């Protein structure tokens, strides 16, 4: 015997969706492809840099992470010769 034949109220779609979210299921919407990415955290950037180094041999070095002025100037000169003059963001 089904719940509706026993006099129980049928479950609405909204109640089912709420139960799915409460259970940890992801929700897909028509806006899924239009949503932007969230900004990367410093930890995300560090893990991407690590993966790029190990998989591709690409070193991503922040000038602020270099230990002394000589190294910073050397890396900046190499990057400028390869990629052009940098226009720092604000």
PDB file of N, CA and C in Angstrom:
ATOM      1  N   UNK A   1       0.848  -1.160   0.000  1.00  0.00           N
ATOM      2  CA  UNK A   1       0.000   0.000   0.000  1.00  0.00           C
ATOM      3  C   UNK A   1       0.903   1.236   0.000  1.00  0.00           C
ATOM      4  N   UNK A   2       0.675   2.178  -0.926  1.00  0.00           N
ATOM      5  CA  UNK A   2       1.514   3.369  -1.038  1.00  0.00           C
ATOM      6  C   UNK A   2       1.134   4.381   0.034  1.00  0.00           C
ATOM      7  N   UNK A   3       2.043   5.308   0.377  1.00  0.00           N
ATOM      8  CA  UNK A   3       1.750   6.307   1.401  1.00  0.00           C
ATOM      9  C   UNK A   3       0.548   7.162   1.041  1.00  0.00           C
ATOM     10  N   UNK A   4       0.370   7.478  -0.248  1.00  0.00           N
ATOM     11  CA  UNK A   4      -0.752   8.340  -0.621  1.00  0.00           C
ATOM     12  C   UNK A   4      -2.082   7.611  -0.473  1.00  0.00           C
ATOM     13  N   UNK A   5      -2.081   6.290  -0.655  1.00  0.00           N
ATOM     14  CA  UNK A   5      -3.329   5.558  -0.494  1.00  0.00           C
ATOM     15  C   UNK A   5      -3.689   5.366   0.976  1.00  0.00           C
ATOM     16  N   UNK A   6      -2.720   5.540   1.877  1.00  0.00           N
ATOM     17  CA  UNK A   6      -2.995   5.429   3.301  1.00  0.00           C
ATOM     18  C   UNK A   6      -3.368   6.761   3.918  1.00  0.00           C
ATOM     19  N   UNK A   7      -3.481   7.811   3.082  1.00  0.00           N
ATOM     20  CA  UNK A   7      -3.869   9.100   3.609  1.00  0.00           C
ATOM     21  C   UNK A   7      -2.703   9.997   3.958  1.00  0.00           C
ATOM     22  N   UNK A   8      -1.492   9.550   3.710  1.00  0.00           N
ATOM     23  CA  UNK A   8      -0.332  10.390   3.984  1.00  0.00           C
ATOM     24  C   UNK A   8      -0.184  11.422   2.878  1.00  0.00           C
ATOM     25  N   UNK A   9       0.247  12.595   3.242  1.00  0.00           N
ATOM     26  CA  UNK A   9       0.432  13.658   2.252  1.00  0.00           C
ATOM     27  C   UNK A   9       1.635  13.323   1.381  1.00  0.00           C
ATOM     28  N   UNK A  10       1.511  13.543   0.071  1.00  0.00           N
ATOM     29  CA  UNK A  10       2.658  13.285  -0.812  1.00  0.00           C
ATOM     30  C   UNK A  10       3.797  14.248  -0.493  1.00  0.00           C
ATOM     31  N   UNK A  11       5.016  13.785  -0.663  1.00  0.00           N
ATOM     32  CA  UNK A  11       6.192  14.597  -0.379  1.00  0.00           C
ATOM     33  C   UNK A  11       6.444  15.557  -1.534  1.00  0.00           C
ATOM     34  N   UNK A  12       6.663  16.837  -1.230  1.00  0.00           N
ATOM     35  CA  UNK A  12       6.877  17.818  -2.295  1.00  0.00           C
ATOM     36  C   UNK A  12       8.309  17.764  -2.786  1.00  0.00           C
ATOM     37  N   UNK A  13       8.544  18.338  -3.963  1.00  0.00           N
ATOM     38  CA  UNK A  13       9.891  18.391  -4.526  1.00  0.00           C
ATOM     39  C   UNK A  13      10.810  19.219  -3.641  1.00  0.00           C
ATOM     40  N   UNK A  14      10.296  20.301  -3.078  1.00  0.00           N
ATOM     41  CA  UNK A  14      11.117  21.159  -2.223  1.00  0.00           C
ATOM     42  C   UNK A  14      11.586  20.393  -0.993  1.00  0.00           C
ATOM     43  N   UNK A  15      10.725  19.592  -0.430  1.00  0.00           N
ATOM     44  CA  UNK A  15      11.104  18.811   0.741  1.00  0.00           C
ATOM     45  C   UNK A  15      12.158  17.779   0.364  1.00  0.00           C
ATOM     46  N   UNK A  16      12.025  17.191  -0.806  1.00  0.00           N
ATOM     47  CA  UNK A  16      13.002  16.211  -1.271  1.00  0.00           C
ATOM     48  C   UNK A  16      14.352  16.850  -1.524  1.00  0.00           C
ATOM     49  N   UNK A  17      14.360  18.057  -2.111  1.00  0.00           N
ATOM     50  CA  UNK A  17      15.608  18.767  -2.376  1.00  0.00           C
ATOM     51  C   UNK A  17      16.293  19.149  -1.073  1.00  0.00           C
ATOM     52  N   UNK A  18      15.498  19.596  -0.093  1.00  0.00           N
ATOM     53  CA  UNK A  18      16.064  19.960   1.202  1.00  0.00           C
ATOM     54  C   UNK A  18      16.670  18.743   1.885  1.00  0.00           C
ATOM     55  N   UNK A  19      16.010  17.616   1.777  1.00  0.00           N
ATOM     56  CA  UNK A  19      16.525  16.391   2.382  1.00  0.00           C
ATOM     57  C   UNK A  19      17.820  15.961   1.700  1.00  0.00           C
ATOM     58  N   UNK A  20      17.904  16.123   0.364  1.00  0.00           N
ATOM     59  CA  UNK A  20      19.119  15.771  -0.364  1.00  0.00           C
ATOM     60  C   UNK A  20      20.281  16.660   0.046  1.00  0.00           C
ATOM     61  N   UNK A  21      20.025  17.962   0.170  1.00  0.00           N
ATOM     62  CA  UNK A  21      21.094  18.882   0.587  1.00  0.00           C
ATOM     63  C   UNK A  21      21.552  18.562   1.998  1.00  0.00           C
ATOM     64  N   UNK A  22      20.596  18.239   2.859  1.00  0.00           N
ATOM     65  CA  UNK A  22      20.947  17.910   4.241  1.00  0.00           C
ATOM     66  C   UNK A  22      21.804  16.651   4.285  1.00  0.00           C
ATOM     67  N   UNK A  23      21.605  15.759   3.330  1.00  0.00           N
ATOM     68  CA  UNK A  23      22.370  14.520   3.296  1.00  0.00           C
ATOM     69  C   UNK A  23      23.735  14.711   2.641  1.00  0.00           C
ATOM     70  N   UNK A  24      24.032  15.932   2.127  1.00  0.00           N
ATOM     71  CA  UNK A  24      25.333  16.195   1.537  1.00  0.00           C
ATOM     72  C   UNK A  24      25.381  16.023   0.031  1.00  0.00           C
ATOM     73  N   UNK A  25      24.251  15.808  -0.617  1.00  0.00           N
ATOM     74  CA  UNK A  25      24.236  15.653  -2.066  1.00  0.00           C
ATOM     75  C   UNK A  25      24.404  17.015  -2.717  1.00  0.00           C
ATOM     76  N   UNK A  26      25.142  17.076  -3.833  1.00  0.00           N
ATOM     77  CA  UNK A  26      25.334  18.354  -4.516  1.00  0.00           C
ATOM     78  C   UNK A  26      24.108  18.665  -5.359  1.00  0.00           C
ATOM     79  N   UNK A  27      23.874  19.949  -5.548  1.00  0.00           N
ATOM     80  CA  UNK A  27      22.722  20.400  -6.303  1.00  0.00           C
ATOM     81  C   UNK A  27      23.215  20.979  -7.622  1.00  0.00           C
ATOM     82  N   UNK A  28      22.630  20.567  -8.725  1.00  0.00           N
ATOM     83  CA  UNK A  28      22.978  21.084 -10.035  1.00  0.00           C
ATOM     84  C   UNK A  28      21.874  22.026 -10.494  1.00  0.00           C
ATOM     85  N   UNK A  29      22.265  23.196 -10.995  1.00  0.00           N
ATOM     86  CA  UNK A  29      21.289  24.167 -11.466  1.00  0.00           C
ATOM     87  C   UNK A  29      21.591  24.548 -12.903  1.00  0.00           C
ATOM     88  N   UNK A  30      20.666  25.296 -13.513  1.00  0.00           N
ATOM     89  CA  UNK A  30      20.875  25.750 -14.881  1.00  0.00           C
ATOM     90  C   UNK A  30      21.971  26.810 -14.958  1.00  0.00           C
ATOM     91  N   UNK A  31      22.376  27.367 -13.836  1.00  0.00           N
ATOM     92  CA  UNK A  31      23.423  28.389 -13.804  1.00  0.00           C
ATOM     93  C   UNK A  31      24.814  27.794 -13.594  1.00  0.00           C
ATOM     94  N   UNK A  32      24.916  26.503 -13.509  1.00  0.00           N
ATOM     95  CA  UNK A  32      26.178  25.833 -13.195  1.00  0.00           C
ATOM     96  C   UNK A  32      27.333  26.295 -14.081  1.00  0.00           C
ATOM     97  N   UNK A  33      27.130  26.380 -15.382  1.00  0.00           N
ATOM     98  CA  UNK A  33      28.197  26.767 -16.289  1.00  0.00           C
ATOM     99  C   UNK A  33      28.493  28.247 -16.283  1.00  0.00           C
ATOM    100  N   UNK A  34      27.637  29.046 -15.705  1.00  0.00           N
ATOM    101  CA  UNK A  34      27.811  30.500 -15.713  1.00  0.00           C
ATOM    102  C   UNK A  34      28.432  31.036 -14.429  1.00  0.00           C
ATOM    103  N   UNK A  35      28.566  30.197 -13.443  1.00  0.00           N
ATOM    104  CA  UNK A  35      29.142  30.634 -12.178  1.00  0.00           C
ATOM    105  C   UNK A  35      30.642  30.814 -12.326  1.00  0.00           C
ATOM    106  N   UNK A  36      31.173  31.858 -11.735  1.00  0.00           N
ATOM    107  CA  UNK A  36      32.606  32.087 -11.765  1.00  0.00           C
ATOM    108  C   UNK A  36      33.318  31.232 -10.740  1.00  0.00           C
ATOM    109  N   UNK A  37      34.611  31.135 -10.905  1.00  0.00           N
ATOM    110  CA  UNK A  37      35.413  30.397  -9.930  1.00  0.00           C
ATOM    111  C   UNK A  37      35.675  31.277  -8.724  1.00  0.00           C
ATOM    112  N   UNK A  38      35.824  30.657  -7.603  1.00  0.00           N
ATOM    113  CA  UNK A  38      36.195  31.418  -6.413  1.00  0.00           C
ATOM    114  C   UNK A  38      37.689  31.716  -6.496  1.00  0.00           C
ATOM    115  N   UNK A  39      38.130  32.822  -5.927  1.00  0.00           N
ATOM    116  CA  UNK A  39      39.563  33.145  -5.970  1.00  0.00           C
ATOM    117  C   UNK A  39      40.388  32.055  -5.291  1.00  0.00           C
ATOM    118  N   UNK A  40      41.555  31.805  -5.847  1.00  0.00           N
ATOM    119  CA  UNK A  40      42.440  30.787  -5.277  1.00  0.00           C
ATOM    120  C   UNK A  40      43.049  31.289  -3.982  1.00  0.00           C
ATOM    121  N   UNK A  41      43.141  30.405  -3.036  1.00  0.00           N
ATOM    122  CA  UNK A  41      43.768  30.745  -1.756  1.00  0.00           C
ATOM    123  C   UNK A  41      45.284  30.599  -1.907  1.00  0.00           C
ATOM    124  N   UNK A  42      46.061  31.160  -0.991  1.00  0.00           N
ATOM    125  CA  UNK A  42      47.519  30.967  -1.056  1.00  0.00           C
ATOM    126  C   UNK A  42      47.918  29.491  -1.041  1.00  0.00           C
ATOM    127  N   UNK A  43      47.186  28.675  -0.290  1.00  0.00           N
ATOM    128  CA  UNK A  43      47.484  27.236  -0.280  1.00  0.00           C
ATOM    129  C   UNK A  43      47.204  26.596  -1.633  1.00  0.00           C
ATOM    130  N   UNK A  44      46.112  27.022  -2.301  1.00  0.00           N
ATOM    131  CA  UNK A  44      45.802  26.514  -3.641  1.00  0.00           C
ATOM    132  C   UNK A  44      46.917  26.876  -4.623  1.00  0.00           C
ATOM    133  N   UNK A  45      47.362  28.128  -4.578  1.00  0.00           N
ATOM    134  CA  UNK A  45      48.421  28.577  -5.474  1.00  0.00           C
ATOM    135  C   UNK A  45      49.715  27.810  -5.230  1.00  0.00           C
ATOM    136  N   UNK A  46      50.017  27.566  -3.968  1.00  0.00           N
ATOM    137  CA  UNK A  46      51.234  26.818  -3.635  1.00  0.00           C
ATOM    138  C   UNK A  46      51.163  25.387  -4.171  1.00  0.00           C
ATOM    139  N   UNK A  47      50.016  24.744  -4.036  1.00  0.00           N
ATOM    140  CA  UNK A  47      49.898  23.367  -4.540  1.00  0.00           C
ATOM    141  C   UNK A  47      49.931  23.334  -6.065  1.00  0.00           C
ATOM    142  N   UNK A  48      49.368  24.361  -6.728  1.00  0.00           N
ATOM    143  CA  UNK A  48      49.458  24.432  -8.195  1.00  0.00           C
ATOM    144  C   UNK A  48      50.909  24.632  -8.635  1.00  0.00           C
ATOM    145  N   UNK A  49      51.643  25.481  -7.909  1.00  0.00           N
ATOM    146  CA  UNK A  49      53.049  25.716  -8.238  1.00  0.00           C
ATOM    147  C   UNK A  49      53.867  24.448  -8.055  1.00  0.00           C
ATOM    148  N   UNK A  50      53.601  23.724  -6.985  1.00  0.00           N
ATOM    149  CA  UNK A  50      54.308  22.469  -6.728  1.00  0.00           C
ATOM    150  C   UNK A  50      54.037  21.460  -7.833  1.00  0.00           C
ATOM    151  N   UNK A  51      52.768  21.339  -8.239  1.00  0.00           N
ATOM    152  CA  UNK A  51      52.414  20.407  -9.313  1.00  0.00           C
ATOM    153  C   UNK A  51      53.058  20.818 -10.633  1.00  0.00           C
ATOM    154  N   UNK A  52      53.092  22.109 -10.926  1.00  0.00           N
ATOM    155  CA  UNK A  52      53.706  22.589 -12.169  1.00  0.00           C
ATOM    156  C   UNK A  52      55.199  22.262 -12.193  1.00  0.00           C
ATOM    157  N   UNK A  53      55.857  22.397 -11.064  1.00  0.00           N
ATOM    158  CA  UNK A  53      57.280  22.088 -10.993  1.00  0.00           C
ATOM    159  C   UNK A  53      57.526  20.597 -11.205  1.00  0.00           C
ATOM    160  N   UNK A  54      56.773  19.760 -10.507  1.00  0.00           N
ATOM    161  CA  UNK A  54      57.004  18.317 -10.600  1.00  0.00           C
ATOM    162  C   UNK A  54      56.578  17.729 -11.941  1.00  0.00           C
ATOM    163  N   UNK A  55      55.484  18.213 -12.499  1.00  0.00           N
ATOM    164  CA  UNK A  55      54.960  17.631 -13.742  1.00  0.00           C
ATOM    165  C   UNK A  55      55.552  18.253 -14.997  1.00  0.00           C
ATOM    166  N   UNK A  56      55.804  19.570 -14.974  1.00  0.00           N
ATOM    167  CA  UNK A  56      56.203  20.275 -16.199  1.00  0.00           C
ATOM    168  C   UNK A  56      57.576  20.923 -16.130  1.00  0.00           C
ATOM    169  N   UNK A  57      58.173  20.988 -14.949  1.00  0.00           N
ATOM    170  CA  UNK A  57      59.457  21.658 -14.816  1.00  0.00           C
ATOM    171  C   UNK A  57      59.334  23.171 -14.836  1.00  0.00           C
ATOM    172  N   UNK A  58      58.150  23.676 -14.512  1.00  0.00           N
ATOM    173  CA  UNK A  58      57.899  25.114 -14.487  1.00  0.00           C
ATOM    174  C   UNK A  58      58.016  25.593 -13.046  1.00  0.00           C
ATOM    175  N   UNK A  59      58.891  26.582 -12.825  1.00  0.00           N
ATOM    176  CA  UNK A  59      59.059  27.143 -11.488  1.00  0.00           C
ATOM    177  C   UNK A  59      58.304  28.461 -11.400  1.00  0.00           C
ATOM    178  N   UNK A  60      57.378  28.540 -10.465  1.00  0.00           N
ATOM    179  CA  UNK A  60      56.648  29.787 -10.212  1.00  0.00           C
ATOM    180  C   UNK A  60      57.158  30.336  -8.890  1.00  0.00           C
ATOM    181  N   UNK A  61      57.845  31.471  -8.985  1.00  0.00           N
ATOM    182  CA  UNK A  61      58.489  32.037  -7.802  1.00  0.00           C
ATOM    183  C   UNK A  61      57.976  33.446  -7.583  1.00  0.00           C
ATOM    184  N   UNK A  62      57.400  33.684  -6.425  1.00  0.00           N
ATOM    185  CA  UNK A  62      56.989  35.041  -6.072  1.00  0.00           C
ATOM    186  C   UNK A  62      58.228  35.806  -5.652  1.00  0.00           C
ATOM    187  N   UNK A  63      58.365  37.023  -6.145  1.00  0.00           N
ATOM    188  CA  UNK A  63      59.532  37.826  -5.799  1.00  0.00           C
ATOM    189  C   UNK A  63      59.650  38.011  -4.290  1.00  0.00           C
ATOM    190  N   UNK A  64      58.504  38.102  -3.612  1.00  0.00           N
ATOM    191  CA  UNK A  64      58.515  38.282  -2.159  1.00  0.00           C
ATOM    192  C   UNK A  64      59.083  37.074  -1.426  1.00  0.00           C
ATOM    193  N   UNK A  65      59.094  35.910  -2.082  1.00  0.00           N
ATOM    194  CA  UNK A  65      59.581  34.689  -1.442  1.00  0.00           C
ATOM    195  C   UNK A  65      61.092  34.509  -1.555  1.00  0.00           C
ATOM    196  N   UNK A  66      61.746  35.334  -2.360  1.00  0.00           N
ATOM    197  CA  UNK A  66      63.194  35.198  -2.534  1.00  0.00           C
ATOM    198  C   UNK A  66      63.924  35.795  -1.330  1.00  0.00           C
ATOM    199  N   UNK A  67      65.029  35.156  -0.925  1.00  0.00           N
ATOM    200  CA  UNK A  67      65.674  35.525   0.331  1.00  0.00           C
ATOM    201  C   UNK A  67      66.442  36.857   0.322  1.00  0.00           C
ATOM    202  N   UNK A  68      66.903  37.313  -0.853  1.00  0.00           N
ATOM    203  CA  UNK A  68      67.684  38.552  -0.844  1.00  0.00           C
ATOM    204  C   UNK A  68      67.431  39.361  -2.122  1.00  0.00           C
ATOM    205  N   UNK A  69      67.883  40.599  -2.092  1.00  0.00           N
ATOM    206  CA  UNK A  69      67.649  41.532  -3.192  1.00  0.00           C
ATOM    207  C   UNK A  69      68.329  41.079  -4.483  1.00  0.00           C
ATOM    208  N   UNK A  70      69.529  40.496  -4.378  1.00  0.00           N
ATOM    209  CA  UNK A  70      70.242  40.029  -5.562  1.00  0.00           C
ATOM    210  C   UNK A  70      69.414  38.980  -6.317  1.00  0.00           C
ATOM    211  N   UNK A  71      68.872  38.006  -5.588  1.00  0.00           N
ATOM    212  CA  UNK A  71      68.046  36.969  -6.225  1.00  0.00           C
ATOM    213  C   UNK A  71      66.785  37.568  -6.833  1.00  0.00           C
ATOM    214  N   UNK A  72      66.160  38.501  -6.129  1.00  0.00           N
ATOM    215  CA  UNK A  72      64.948  39.147  -6.653  1.00  0.00           C
ATOM    216  C   UNK A  72      65.231  39.869  -7.964  1.00  0.00           C
ATOM    217  N   UNK A  73      66.332  40.622  -8.010  1.00  0.00           N
ATOM    218  CA  UNK A  73      66.683  41.354  -9.232  1.00  0.00           C
ATOM    219  C   UNK A  73      67.016  40.400 -10.378  1.00  0.00           C
ATOM    220  N   UNK A  74      67.706  39.296 -10.066  1.00  0.00           N
ATOM    221  CA  UNK A  74      68.063  38.325 -11.103  1.00  0.00           C
ATOM    222  C   UNK A  74      66.817  37.673 -11.696  1.00  0.00           C
ATOM    223  N   UNK A  75      65.902  37.234 -10.857  1.00  0.00           N
ATOM    224  CA  UNK A  75      64.669  36.596 -11.340  1.00  0.00           C
ATOM    225  C   UNK A  75      63.821  37.597 -12.126  1.00  0.00           C
ATOM    226  N   UNK A  76      63.736  38.824 -11.620  1.00  0.00           N
ATOM    227  CA  UNK A  76      62.958  39.857 -12.318  1.00  0.00           C
ATOM    228  C   UNK A  76      63.548  40.152 -13.688  1.00  0.00           C
ATOM    229  N   UNK A  77      64.872  40.187 -13.804  1.00  0.00           N
ATOM    230  CA  UNK A  77      65.519  40.447 -15.088  1.00  0.00           C
ATOM    231  C   UNK A  77      65.258  39.302 -16.074  1.00  0.00           C
ATOM    232  N   UNK A  78      65.322  38.066 -15.595  1.00  0.00           N
ATOM    233  CA  UNK A  78      65.057  36.913 -16.470  1.00  0.00           C
ATOM    234  C   UNK A  78      63.613  36.935 -16.946  1.00  0.00           C
ATOM    235  N   UNK A  79      62.676  37.167 -16.028  1.00  0.00           N
ATOM    236  CA  UNK A  79      61.258  37.191 -16.396  1.00  0.00           C
ATOM    237  C   UNK A  79      60.964  38.331 -17.367  1.00  0.00           C
ATOM    238  N   UNK A  80      61.580  39.482 -17.171  1.00  0.00           N
ATOM    239  CA  UNK A  80      61.362  40.609 -18.076  1.00  0.00           C
ATOM    240  C   UNK A  80      61.887  40.295 -19.468  1.00  0.00           C
ATOM    241  N   UNK A  81      63.040  39.642 -19.546  1.00  0.00           N
ATOM    242  CA  UNK A  81      63.585  39.306 -20.867  1.00  0.00           C
ATOM    243  C   UNK A  81      62.739  38.247 -21.579  1.00  0.00           C
ATOM    244  N   UNK A  82      62.126  37.336 -20.816  1.00  0.00           N
ATOM    245  CA  UNK A  82      61.302  36.290 -21.427  1.00  0.00           C
ATOM    246  C   UNK A  82      59.889  36.761 -21.756  1.00  0.00           C
ATOM    247  N   UNK A  83      59.278  37.534 -20.862  1.00  0.00           N
ATOM    248  CA  UNK A  83      57.840  37.833 -20.963  1.00  0.00           C
ATOM    249  C   UNK A  83      57.520  39.314 -21.158  1.00  0.00           C
ATOM    250  N   UNK A  84      58.495  40.193 -21.033  1.00  0.00           N
ATOM    251  CA  UNK A  84      58.242  41.622 -21.164  1.00  0.00           C
ATOM    252  C   UNK A  84      58.092  42.288 -19.818  1.00  0.00           C
ATOM    253  N   UNK A  85      58.073  43.626 -19.861  1.00  0.00           N
ATOM    254  CA  UNK A  85      57.990  44.415 -18.628  1.00  0.00           C
ATOM    255  C   UNK A  85      56.659  44.153 -17.925  1.00  0.00           C
ATOM    256  N   UNK A  86      56.736  44.000 -16.637  1.00  0.00           N
ATOM    257  CA  UNK A  86      55.571  43.708 -15.811  1.00  0.00           C
ATOM    258  C   UNK A  86      54.878  45.011 -15.395  1.00  0.00           C
ATOM    259  N   UNK A  87      53.563  44.981 -15.431  1.00  0.00           N
ATOM    260  CA  UNK A  87      52.789  46.103 -14.906  1.00  0.00           C
ATOM    261  C   UNK A  87      52.128  45.609 -13.624  1.00  0.00           C
ATOM    262  N   UNK A  88      52.704  45.974 -12.471  1.00  0.00           N
ATOM    263  CA  UNK A  88      52.182  45.462 -11.193  1.00  0.00           C
ATOM    264  C   UNK A  88      50.724  45.850 -10.972  1.00  0.00           C
ATOM    265  N   UNK A  89      49.981  44.942 -10.385  1.00  0.00           N
ATOM    266  CA  UNK A  89      48.596  45.232 -10.033  1.00  0.00           C
ATOM    267  C   UNK A  89      48.577  45.954  -8.697  1.00  0.00           C
ATOM    268  N   UNK A  90      47.445  46.552  -8.414  1.00  0.00           N
ATOM    269  CA  UNK A  90      47.334  47.343  -7.183  1.00  0.00           C
ATOM    270  C   UNK A  90      47.127  46.477  -5.985  1.00  0.00           C
TER     271      UNK A  90
END
